[in-house]
Amino acid sequence: MKNEFKGSSYEERVRNVNRIYDEHSRSGLSNREIFRRFIYPIYRISEKTFYNWLNASAKFPDPEKNSK
């Protein structure tokens, strides 16, 4: 598959964005508001990239959740 391999820095950014998203999604904020307030100021990515990274998290299983 094209671009199947991604570096560890990409994986780290995806994990961090998903962690930030998970922290704030339970508070009732919309995805766009989470992106504008918390993701964009740190990572300067587009909204489309934000959604791609949320979907990409399935490719990187969380070791903390798997160890429990």
Protein backbone atom coordinates (compact mmCIF):
# COMPACT_ATOMS: atom_id res chain seq x y z
CA MET A 1 0.00 0.00 0.00
CA LYS A 2 1.26 3.49 -0.80
CA ASN A 3 2.80 5.38 2.14
CA GLU A 4 2.23 2.45 4.46
CA PHE A 5 5.36 3.17 6.51
CA LYS A 6 5.28 6.30 8.61
CA GLY A 7 8.02 7.50 10.94
CA SER A 8 7.90 7.47 14.70
CA SER A 9 7.55 11.27 14.83
CA TYR A 10 4.36 10.99 12.75
CA GLU A 11 3.07 8.32 15.11
CA GLU A 12 3.87 10.53 18.11
CA ARG A 13 2.01 13.52 16.62
CA VAL A 14 -1.01 11.32 15.81
CA ARG A 15 -1.06 9.97 19.35
CA ASN A 16 -0.76 13.47 20.85
CA VAL A 17 -3.55 14.89 18.69
CA ASN A 18 -5.79 11.97 19.63
CA ARG A 19 -4.94 12.38 23.32
CA ILE A 20 -5.87 16.08 23.16
CA TYR A 21 -9.05 15.24 21.25
CA ASP A 22 -10.05 12.55 23.78
CA GLU A 23 -9.50 14.94 26.70
CA HIS A 24 -11.84 17.57 25.27
CA SER A 25 -14.42 15.54 23.33
CA ARG A 26 -16.18 14.48 26.52
CA SER A 27 -16.78 18.09 27.52
CA GLY A 28 -19.32 18.58 24.73
CA LEU A 29 -17.16 20.68 22.40
CA SER A 30 -17.58 20.11 18.68
CA ASN A 31 -14.72 18.63 16.66
CA ARG A 32 -14.19 21.95 14.92
CA GLU A 33 -13.99 23.81 18.23
CA ILE A 34 -11.48 21.28 19.62
CA PHE A 35 -9.44 21.72 16.45
CA ARG A 36 -9.52 25.52 16.59
CA ARG A 37 -8.83 25.90 20.32
CA PHE A 38 -6.39 23.10 21.07
CA ILE A 39 -4.95 21.41 17.97
CA TYR A 40 -4.29 24.19 15.46
CA PRO A 41 -2.33 26.50 17.81
CA ILE A 42 0.13 23.67 18.55
CA TYR A 43 0.43 21.72 15.29
CA ARG A 44 -0.62 24.22 12.58
CA ILE A 45 -2.31 21.51 10.51
CA SER A 46 -5.41 21.80 8.36
CA GLU A 47 -8.76 20.55 9.52
CA LYS A 48 -8.64 17.78 6.90
CA THR A 49 -5.28 16.62 8.27
CA PHE A 50 -6.79 16.68 11.76
CA TYR A 51 -9.55 14.29 10.66
CA ASN A 52 -7.04 12.10 8.83
CA TRP A 53 -4.95 11.86 12.01
CA LEU A 54 -8.02 10.91 14.05
CA ASN A 55 -8.62 8.06 11.61
CA ALA A 56 -4.92 7.14 11.48
CA SER A 57 -4.92 6.39 15.19
CA ALA A 58 -6.39 2.96 14.39
CA LYS A 59 -3.05 2.07 12.75
CA PHE A 60 -1.18 2.73 16.00
CA PRO A 61 -2.62 0.69 18.85
CA ASP A 62 -2.23 2.40 22.21
CA PRO A 63 0.30 0.41 24.30
CA GLU A 64 -1.24 1.72 27.57
CA LYS A 65 -4.67 0.32 26.72
CA ASN A 66 -3.23 -3.01 25.54
CA SER A 67 -1.20 -3.57 28.70
CA LYS A 68 -4.26 -3.48 31.00
